[in-house]
Amino acid sequence: MKKAVEAGFDFNGTTNGLAIEKFVKKTGTGRHGPHPKYTDQLRGHLDWWARQPGNANFTPDDAKTYLDALANNLKTKINTSSLKINDLALGLPK
């Protein structure tokens, strides 16, 4: 992640961010709230990606390119699901 940020990946920008309705426990509505399981899936996947033989010496630009594509794929999964973010099974290699 740090290398991607060095190359210009904006963690809080439009590529990575989405406006998702906040989950309200009282009403059960909304989809965004704490998402540790989602974060763990991403961390595991990014660690996996960095360990791949072809990525042994990845550059900041390599990391940014990969994260840009991954973020776009994740947006599609999020936008086509009605589950809370934390309940999504991303199916990413780890």
Protein backbone atom coordinates (compact mmCIF):
# COMPACT_ATOMS: atom_id res chain seq x y z
CA MET A 1 0.00 0.00 0.00
CA LYS A 2 2.81 2.42 0.89
CA LYS A 3 4.47 1.95 -2.48
CA ALA A 4 1.19 2.55 -4.30
CA VAL A 5 0.67 5.78 -2.34
CA GLU A 6 4.22 6.84 -3.30
CA ALA A 7 3.16 6.49 -6.95
CA GLY A 8 -0.01 8.54 -6.44
CA PHE A 9 -2.65 6.04 -5.30
CA ASP A 10 -5.13 8.09 -3.26
CA PHE A 11 -6.44 5.83 -0.51
CA ASN A 12 -9.27 8.28 0.22
CA GLY A 13 -9.90 9.29 -3.38
CA THR A 14 -12.57 8.36 -5.88
CA THR A 15 -10.76 5.27 -7.15
CA ASN A 16 -10.81 3.65 -3.73
CA GLY A 17 -13.75 5.35 -2.05
CA LEU A 18 -17.49 4.89 -2.40
CA ALA A 19 -20.45 6.68 -0.89
CA ILE A 20 -22.23 3.87 0.95
CA GLU A 21 -25.17 4.39 3.29
CA LYS A 22 -24.10 4.02 6.92
CA PHE A 23 -25.39 0.87 8.64
CA VAL A 24 -27.83 1.65 11.46
CA LYS A 25 -28.15 -1.28 13.86
CA LYS A 26 -31.48 -0.09 15.25
CA THR A 27 -33.18 -0.20 11.84
CA GLY A 28 -30.94 -2.73 10.10
CA THR A 29 -30.59 -0.39 7.13
CA GLY A 30 -27.42 0.68 5.38
CA ARG A 31 -24.30 -1.21 4.40
CA HIS A 32 -21.29 0.69 5.69
CA GLY A 33 -19.89 0.30 9.17
CA PRO A 34 -16.85 -1.26 10.79
CA HIS A 35 -15.42 -3.77 8.33
CA PRO A 36 -12.53 -5.73 9.90
CA LYS A 37 -13.31 -8.93 7.94
CA TYR A 38 -13.25 -6.99 4.66
CA THR A 39 -9.95 -5.36 5.65
CA ASP A 40 -8.45 -8.73 6.64
CA GLN A 41 -9.40 -10.17 3.25
CA LEU A 42 -7.68 -7.28 1.50
CA ARG A 43 -4.57 -7.44 3.67
CA GLY A 44 -4.26 -11.16 3.07
CA HIS A 45 -4.64 -10.67 -0.65
CA LEU A 46 -2.13 -7.82 -0.88
CA ASP A 47 0.40 -9.87 1.11
CA TRP A 48 -0.22 -12.76 -1.29
CA TRP A 49 0.27 -10.49 -4.31
CA ALA A 50 3.56 -9.13 -2.95
CA ARG A 51 4.87 -12.71 -2.43
CA GLN A 52 4.23 -13.79 -6.02
CA PRO A 53 7.51 -14.56 -7.87
CA GLY A 54 6.87 -11.94 -10.55
CA ASN A 55 6.31 -9.27 -7.92
CA ALA A 56 9.50 -9.81 -5.88
CA ASN A 57 10.86 -6.37 -6.80
CA PHE A 58 7.63 -4.51 -7.52
CA THR A 59 7.86 -0.76 -7.95
CA PRO A 60 5.54 1.93 -6.62
CA ASP A 61 4.02 2.17 -10.12
CA ASP A 62 3.42 -1.61 -10.17
CA ALA A 63 1.65 -1.40 -6.82
CA LYS A 64 -0.47 1.56 -7.92
CA THR A 65 -1.49 -0.14 -11.16
CA TYR A 66 -2.51 -3.27 -9.26
CA LEU A 67 -4.41 -1.36 -6.56
CA ASP A 68 -6.22 0.78 -9.13
CA ALA A 69 -7.46 -2.36 -10.90
CA LEU A 70 -8.29 -4.13 -7.63
CA ALA A 71 -10.23 -1.11 -6.34
CA ASN A 72 -12.29 -1.00 -9.54
CA ASN A 73 -13.07 -4.72 -9.26
CA LEU A 74 -14.05 -4.33 -5.61
CA LYS A 75 -16.34 -1.41 -6.46
CA THR A 76 -18.20 -3.68 -8.85
CA LYS A 77 -18.59 -6.36 -6.16
CA ILE A 78 -19.80 -3.79 -3.64
CA ASN A 79 -22.19 -2.08 -6.06
CA THR A 80 -23.75 -5.35 -7.20
CA SER A 81 -24.34 -6.69 -3.70
CA SER A 82 -26.84 -5.78 -1.02
CA LEU A 83 -24.66 -7.16 1.78
CA LYS A 84 -22.91 -5.05 4.39
CA ILE A 85 -19.30 -4.37 3.39
CA ASN A 86 -18.00 -6.53 6.24
CA ASP A 87 -20.14 -9.49 5.11
CA LEU A 88 -18.81 -9.61 1.55
CA ALA A 89 -16.83 -12.70 0.57
CA LEU A 90 -14.33 -11.23 -1.85
CA GLY A 91 -12.94 -14.54 -3.12
CA LEU A 92 -9.44 -13.11 -3.44
CA PRO A 93 -6.37 -15.38 -3.33
CA LYS A 94 -4.38 -15.18 -0.09
